[in-house]
Protein backbone atom coordinates (compact mmCIF):
# COMPACT_ATOMS: atom_id res chain seq x y z
CA MET A 1 72.83 155.00 108.71
CA LYS A 2 69.16 154.45 108.08
CA GLN A 3 67.56 157.74 107.11
CA SER A 4 64.17 159.09 108.17
CA ILE A 5 61.63 159.85 105.47
CA LEU A 6 62.39 163.25 103.99
CA ILE A 7 58.88 164.25 103.08
CA LEU A 8 55.39 162.86 103.53
CA LEU A 9 54.20 161.40 100.25
CA SER A 10 50.60 160.44 99.65
CA SER A 11 49.28 157.58 97.53
CA MET A 12 46.47 158.23 95.07
CA PHE A 13 44.11 155.40 94.11
CA HIS A 14 41.74 157.25 91.78
CA TRP A 15 42.12 157.47 88.03
CA THR A 16 40.40 159.87 85.64
CA GLY A 17 39.71 158.55 82.18
CA CYS A 18 41.18 155.09 82.75
CA VAL A 19 41.71 153.17 79.52
CA ILE A 20 41.32 149.39 79.27
CA TYR A 21 42.86 148.16 76.03
CA GLU A 22 42.30 144.60 74.81
CA GLU A 23 45.52 143.31 73.27
CA GLU A 24 44.15 141.22 70.43
CA HIS A 25 47.63 140.74 69.00
CA ASP A 26 48.75 139.18 72.31
CA THR A 27 46.59 136.12 71.67
CA THR A 28 48.77 135.18 68.70
CA GLY A 29 51.73 134.64 70.99
CA GLU A 30 53.68 137.63 69.63
CA ALA A 31 55.75 139.62 72.12
CA THR A 32 54.35 142.95 73.19
CA THR A 33 56.58 146.00 73.30
CA PHE A 34 55.75 149.25 75.06
CA VAL A 35 57.35 152.57 74.24
CA LEU A 36 57.09 155.60 76.50
CA CYS A 37 57.06 158.89 74.60
CA GLU A 38 58.55 161.58 76.78
CA GLY A 39 56.59 164.48 75.34
CA ASN A 40 57.60 168.12 75.63
CA PHE A 41 58.45 169.62 79.01
CA GLY A 42 55.50 171.50 80.47
CA SER A 43 53.10 170.32 77.75
CA SER A 44 51.63 167.23 79.47
CA ASN A 45 51.78 165.27 76.21
CA ALA A 46 53.65 162.18 77.42
CA ALA A 47 52.17 159.02 75.89
CA LEU A 48 52.37 155.25 76.34
CA TRP A 49 52.18 153.12 73.19
CA SER A 50 52.08 149.38 72.54
CA PHE A 51 53.05 147.38 69.47
CA SER A 52 54.18 143.94 68.30
CA PRO A 53 57.51 144.27 66.47
CA ASP A 54 56.47 141.95 63.61
CA ASP A 55 53.07 143.54 63.00
CA ALA A 56 52.90 147.11 61.72
CA THR A 57 49.13 147.30 62.33
CA THR A 58 49.40 146.93 66.11
CA ALA A 59 50.71 150.37 67.11
CA THR A 60 48.19 151.63 69.66
CA GLN A 61 48.27 154.58 72.05
CA ILE A 62 47.34 153.28 75.48
CA LEU A 63 47.36 156.64 77.23
CA GLY A 64 48.42 160.09 76.09
CA GLY A 65 48.10 163.78 76.63
CA THR A 66 46.92 164.99 80.03
CA SER A 67 45.75 161.47 80.96
CA LEU A 68 49.39 160.40 81.36
CA GLY A 69 51.10 163.67 82.29
CA ASP A 70 54.21 165.77 81.86
CA VAL A 71 57.52 164.14 80.82
CA GLY A 72 57.40 160.36 80.56
CA GLN A 73 60.78 159.47 82.05
CA SER A 74 61.12 155.67 82.16
CA LEU A 75 59.45 152.26 82.19
CA THR A 76 60.02 149.36 84.57
CA VAL A 77 58.66 145.82 84.10
CA TYR A 78 58.25 143.32 86.92
CA GLY A 79 56.34 140.14 86.03
CA ASN A 80 53.14 141.32 84.36
CA GLN A 81 53.26 144.73 86.06
CA LEU A 82 54.27 147.81 84.06
CA TYR A 83 55.39 150.89 86.00
CA VAL A 84 55.40 154.25 84.16
CA ILE A 85 57.48 156.98 85.80
CA VAL A 86 56.22 160.47 84.89
CA ASN A 87 58.92 162.89 85.99
CA ASN A 88 57.41 166.38 85.92
CA SER A 89 53.99 165.14 87.07
CA HIS A 90 55.82 163.55 90.03
CA LYS A 91 54.12 160.16 89.92
CA ILE A 92 54.28 156.49 88.97
CA GLU A 93 51.37 154.91 87.10
CA ILE A 94 50.98 151.13 87.54
CA PHE A 95 49.40 148.78 84.98
CA THR A 96 48.75 145.04 84.81
CA VAL A 97 49.38 143.50 81.39
CA ASP A 98 47.31 140.40 80.62
CA ASP A 99 44.83 139.92 77.77
CA GLU A 100 43.83 143.44 78.75
CA ILE A 101 45.91 146.34 80.00
CA SER A 102 44.35 147.63 83.21
CA HIS A 103 45.34 150.52 85.43
CA GLU A 104 46.04 149.35 88.99
CA GLY A 105 46.94 152.54 90.82
CA THR A 106 49.08 155.65 91.15
CA ILE A 107 51.85 156.62 93.53
CA SER A 108 52.00 160.42 93.68
CA PHE A 109 54.93 162.36 95.09
CA ASN A 110 55.22 165.94 96.30
CA SER A 111 57.53 167.51 93.68
CA ALA A 112 60.05 164.68 94.02
CA SER A 113 60.99 164.51 90.30
CA PRO A 114 61.17 160.68 90.07
CA ARG A 115 63.56 159.27 87.45
CA TYR A 116 64.01 155.47 87.54
CA LEU A 117 62.52 152.54 89.43
CA VAL A 118 64.01 149.14 90.26
CA ILE A 119 62.13 146.37 92.05
CA ASP A 120 62.97 143.52 94.42
CA GLY A 121 59.85 141.49 95.21
CA THR A 122 57.33 143.86 96.77
CA THR A 123 59.92 146.59 97.38
CA GLY A 124 60.68 149.36 94.94
CA TYR A 125 63.51 151.89 94.83
CA VAL A 126 62.90 155.15 92.95
CA SER A 127 65.57 157.78 92.31
CA CYS A 128 64.38 161.36 92.90
CA TRP A 129 66.30 164.44 91.80
CA ASN A 130 64.44 167.09 93.78
CA LEU A 131 64.85 165.16 97.02
CA ASN A 132 68.48 164.15 96.49
CA ALA A 133 67.29 160.74 97.61
CA ILE A 134 66.20 157.23 96.73
CA LEU A 135 62.72 156.51 98.05
CA ILE A 136 61.87 152.97 99.17
CA LEU A 137 58.35 151.87 98.22
CA ASP A 138 55.93 149.26 99.52
CA LEU A 139 54.47 148.47 96.10
CA PRO A 140 51.38 146.43 97.15
CA ASN A 141 50.26 149.32 99.34
CA LEU A 142 51.47 152.09 96.98
CA ALA A 143 53.30 153.72 99.88
CA VAL A 144 56.70 155.24 100.68
CA ILE A 145 58.25 153.44 103.65
CA ASP A 146 61.81 154.78 103.86
CA THR A 147 64.35 157.13 102.30
CA ILE A 148 68.03 156.84 101.44
CA SER A 149 69.67 160.27 101.34
CA VAL A 150 72.13 160.78 98.49
CA SER A 151 74.81 163.41 98.03
CA GLY A 152 73.64 164.63 94.63
CA MET A 153 70.91 163.70 92.17
CA PRO A 154 70.55 159.92 91.77
CA GLU A 155 69.71 158.64 88.30
CA PHE A 156 69.91 155.10 86.90
CA MET A 157 69.97 152.17 89.32
CA ILE A 158 70.82 148.47 89.23
CA LEU A 159 70.02 145.85 91.88
CA ASP A 160 72.46 142.98 92.29
CA GLY A 161 71.79 140.72 95.24
CA THR A 162 71.84 142.88 98.36
CA SER A 163 73.59 145.78 96.61
CA LEU A 164 71.91 148.76 94.97
CA TYR A 165 74.05 150.75 92.54
CA ALA A 166 73.03 154.32 91.66
CA SER A 167 74.69 156.68 89.20
CA ILE A 168 75.03 160.31 90.36
CA PRO A 169 75.36 162.59 87.30
CA SER A 170 74.82 165.92 89.08
CA ASN A 171 75.40 167.53 92.44
CA SER A 172 72.53 169.26 94.20
CA ASP A 173 73.62 172.57 92.64
CA TRP A 174 73.41 170.99 89.15
CA SER A 175 77.18 170.92 88.67
CA SER A 176 78.58 167.70 87.19
CA ALA A 177 79.18 164.80 89.56
CA SER A 178 81.24 161.71 88.82
CA SER A 179 80.31 158.79 91.01
CA VAL A 180 78.41 155.52 91.21
CA VAL A 181 77.36 154.74 94.78
CA GLU A 182 76.82 151.21 96.09
CA PHE A 183 74.29 150.88 98.92
CA SER A 184 73.34 147.91 101.09
CA THR A 185 69.62 147.19 100.71
CA SER A 186 69.50 145.82 104.26
CA SER A 187 71.31 148.58 106.17
CA LYS A 188 70.66 151.40 103.64
CA GLU A 189 74.28 152.42 104.19
CA ILE A 190 76.93 153.25 101.59
CA ILE A 191 79.23 150.32 100.88
CA GLN A 192 81.46 151.87 98.23
CA ILE A 193 81.76 154.99 96.06
CA TYR A 194 83.28 154.54 92.60
CA GLU A 195 84.67 157.54 90.70
CA THR A 196 83.74 157.55 87.01
CA VAL A 197 83.82 159.87 84.02
CA SER A 198 81.75 162.98 84.85
CA GLY A 199 77.99 162.77 84.32
CA PRO A 200 77.36 159.01 84.81
CA SER A 201 73.88 157.86 83.86
CA ASP A 202 72.89 154.61 82.13
CA MET A 203 74.53 151.41 83.38
CA GLU A 204 74.81 147.80 82.24
CA LEU A 205 75.95 144.94 84.48
CA ILE A 206 77.79 142.15 82.66
CA GLY A 207 79.15 139.49 84.99
CA SER A 208 81.15 141.29 87.68
CA HIS A 209 81.69 144.38 85.53
CA LEU A 210 79.45 147.43 85.73
CA PHE A 211 79.63 149.58 82.59
CA VAL A 212 78.64 153.22 83.00
CA ALA A 213 77.83 155.73 80.24
CA SER A 214 78.62 159.39 80.98
CA THR A 215 77.69 162.71 79.39
CA TYR A 216 78.83 166.12 80.60
CA TYR A 217 79.07 169.65 79.24
CA GLY A 218 81.82 172.21 78.87
CA ALA A 219 81.66 175.86 79.84
CA ASN A 220 80.54 176.82 76.33
CA GLY A 221 77.83 174.15 76.23
CA SER A 222 79.93 171.65 74.28
CA THR A 223 79.15 167.97 74.87
CA TYR A 224 81.62 165.38 76.12
CA THR A 225 80.99 161.69 76.65
CA GLY A 226 82.81 158.71 78.08
CA LEU A 227 82.55 155.22 79.50
CA SER A 228 83.67 153.68 82.75
CA LYS A 229 84.03 150.00 83.70
CA ILE A 230 83.81 149.12 87.37
CA ASP A 231 85.31 145.76 88.34
CA LEU A 232 83.06 144.96 91.29
CA SER A 233 85.18 142.02 92.45
CA ALA A 234 88.39 144.07 92.57
CA GLY A 235 86.88 147.49 93.31
CA THR A 236 88.80 149.13 90.45
CA VAL A 237 87.59 151.53 87.76
CA THR A 238 88.78 151.89 84.15
CA THR A 239 87.70 154.95 82.17
CA ASN A 240 87.76 156.39 78.69
CA THR A 241 86.72 159.92 77.73
CA ASP A 242 85.68 160.47 74.12
CA ILE A 243 86.78 163.41 72.05
CA LEU A 244 84.41 166.36 71.83
CA ASN A 245 81.33 165.16 69.97
CA SER A 246 77.60 165.63 69.63
CA ILE A 247 76.52 162.28 68.13
CA VAL A 248 76.87 159.99 71.16
CA LYS A 249 73.68 159.41 73.17
CA GLY A 250 73.13 158.12 76.69
CA ASP A 251 71.77 154.60 76.24
CA LEU A 252 73.89 151.49 76.78
CA VAL A 253 72.42 148.49 74.95
CA ARG A 254 73.46 144.85 75.17
CA ALA A 255 72.50 142.74 72.15
CA GLY A 256 73.75 139.16 72.27
CA GLU A 257 77.36 139.25 73.44
CA THR A 258 77.99 142.81 72.25
CA LEU A 259 77.71 146.00 74.29
CA TYR A 260 76.73 149.09 72.34
CA ARG A 261 76.26 152.77 73.02
CA ALA A 262 73.57 154.69 71.19
CA THR A 263 74.51 157.42 68.74
CA SER A 264 72.38 159.74 66.63
CA THR A 265 72.60 157.26 63.74
CA GLY A 266 72.45 153.87 65.48
CA LEU A 267 74.44 151.68 67.89
CA ALA A 268 78.23 151.86 68.13
CA PRO A 269 80.05 148.78 69.51
CA VAL A 270 82.07 149.37 72.69
CA ASN A 271 85.74 148.45 72.23
CA VAL A 272 87.83 146.70 74.87
CA ASP A 273 89.48 150.01 75.80
CA LEU A 274 85.98 151.55 76.26
CA SER A 275 86.25 153.68 73.14
CA LEU A 276 83.43 153.47 70.59
CA ASP A 277 83.74 151.81 67.18
CA LEU A 278 82.12 154.64 65.24
CA ASP A 279 83.12 153.03 61.92
CA ASN A 280 80.76 150.09 62.47
CA ILE A 281 77.52 151.64 63.70
CA VAL A 282 74.49 149.35 63.43
CA GLY A 283 71.12 150.74 62.44
CA GLU A 284 71.59 153.42 59.75
CA GLN A 285 69.00 155.74 61.32
CA THR A 286 68.78 159.50 61.71
CA ASN A 287 67.83 161.57 64.77
CA VAL A 288 68.08 158.61 67.16
CA TYR A 289 66.90 159.61 70.64
CA SER A 290 66.84 156.21 72.38
CA ALA A 291 67.64 152.56 71.73
CA ALA A 292 66.93 149.13 73.20
CA ALA A 293 67.29 145.44 72.32
CA ASP A 294 65.79 142.04 72.99
CA GLY A 295 66.94 138.58 71.91
CA GLU A 296 65.88 139.17 68.31
CA TYR A 297 65.46 142.88 67.54
CA LEU A 298 66.94 146.33 67.98
CA TYR A 299 64.61 149.27 68.68
CA PHE A 300 65.40 152.87 67.77
CA GLY A 301 63.31 155.81 68.96
CA THR A 302 63.81 158.76 66.62
CA THR A 303 62.58 162.32 67.02
CA ASP A 304 62.42 165.86 65.70
CA TYR A 305 60.96 166.83 69.11
CA VAL A 306 57.46 167.29 67.68
CA ALA A 307 54.80 164.56 67.44
CA PRO A 308 54.42 162.32 65.58
CA ASP A 309 57.77 160.54 65.83
CA THR A 310 58.90 157.10 64.65
CA VAL A 311 60.21 153.90 66.22
CA TYR A 312 62.24 151.65 63.90
CA VAL A 313 62.74 147.92 64.50
CA THR A 314 65.71 146.09 62.95
CA THR A 315 67.48 142.76 63.33
CA HIS A 316 70.66 142.69 65.40
CA SER A 317 72.61 143.18 62.18
CA GLY A 318 70.60 146.28 61.30
CA GLU A 319 68.22 144.91 58.66
CA ALA A 320 64.89 146.74 58.64
CA VAL A 321 61.92 144.86 60.14
CA ASN A 322 59.23 147.45 60.87
CA GLN A 323 58.45 151.01 61.82
CA PHE A 324 55.77 152.56 64.02
CA ILE A 325 54.39 156.09 64.24
CA VAL A 326 54.15 157.16 67.89
CA GLY A 327 54.11 160.31 70.04
CA ALA A 328 56.77 162.92 70.70
CA MET A 329 60.25 161.82 71.79
CA PRO A 330 60.11 158.02 72.26
CA GLY A 331 62.55 157.66 75.12
CA ASP A 332 62.21 154.28 76.83
CA PHE A 333 61.08 150.74 76.02
CA ALA A 334 59.59 147.81 77.92
CA ILE A 335 60.06 144.67 75.86
CA GLY A 336 58.42 141.26 76.07
CA VAL A 337 56.02 142.08 78.89
CA GLU A 338 54.46 138.80 80.10
């Protein structure tokens, strides 16, 4: 059933201290990569950086400190638009990336705790923990136009045709949940609920298979991880729960034909049975916090939870290419922005 809007959310069009940054390195034809540094909770030191992976001199802070906000959660790219989701400041900052990076506007929410954004044309879908909902956005007008209520806290999302898939890692009382919910984008109704390993978060769609990375915690604070594979054509789910460990991270990364899961030292290939090949980790890093890939490079965000931190760039086989000094806790990447 189509849900009414849960809460009135206002759009803000003003910007204090807007930064316009001329991307001189873009004129060479090199790809531009953005990294969002999460910052420390409550410290308002989230930061957005830009660099070209081949050129160590290009690392530039676009926005940082109180000008960006508290807890940089995720980045979404659509065409030449870059959307920066700032979780604890409850907003999305929108930029246009051309020869210059210009700030286009802000969508501010009333304590919604936004997490991830996916886009279909002029419509955006943003998962919000504090609302137990997915908000539907009219992006040209920076406005909320509808709400999909969710049983639990929605996290990562994937759009595939008329289906929206959302992982639900936690119930509204913060206990572990274990489902991926498929919604119809036309009716806003639930099509299917898939049961996964507890704590589903990051997802990767490969053909008709949706891979889901999970992390959950035992009564004594111990960490458990696992993977699930949803066969969307058959409606079946295969799962594997790892042994107790503390090295496996949340990110799923596809590089070429290989699916990896991030670990504290690099990327571990995912085996056919959904276990991780921890004997053949690519990257040889330490303190990995996040990872990403494009057609040529792997990116590793590393941290000691205090700025400055470092992003390392390698080939797909793990050979070092470059490194960049950035802000605290580099947590998400936007690669090859047009």
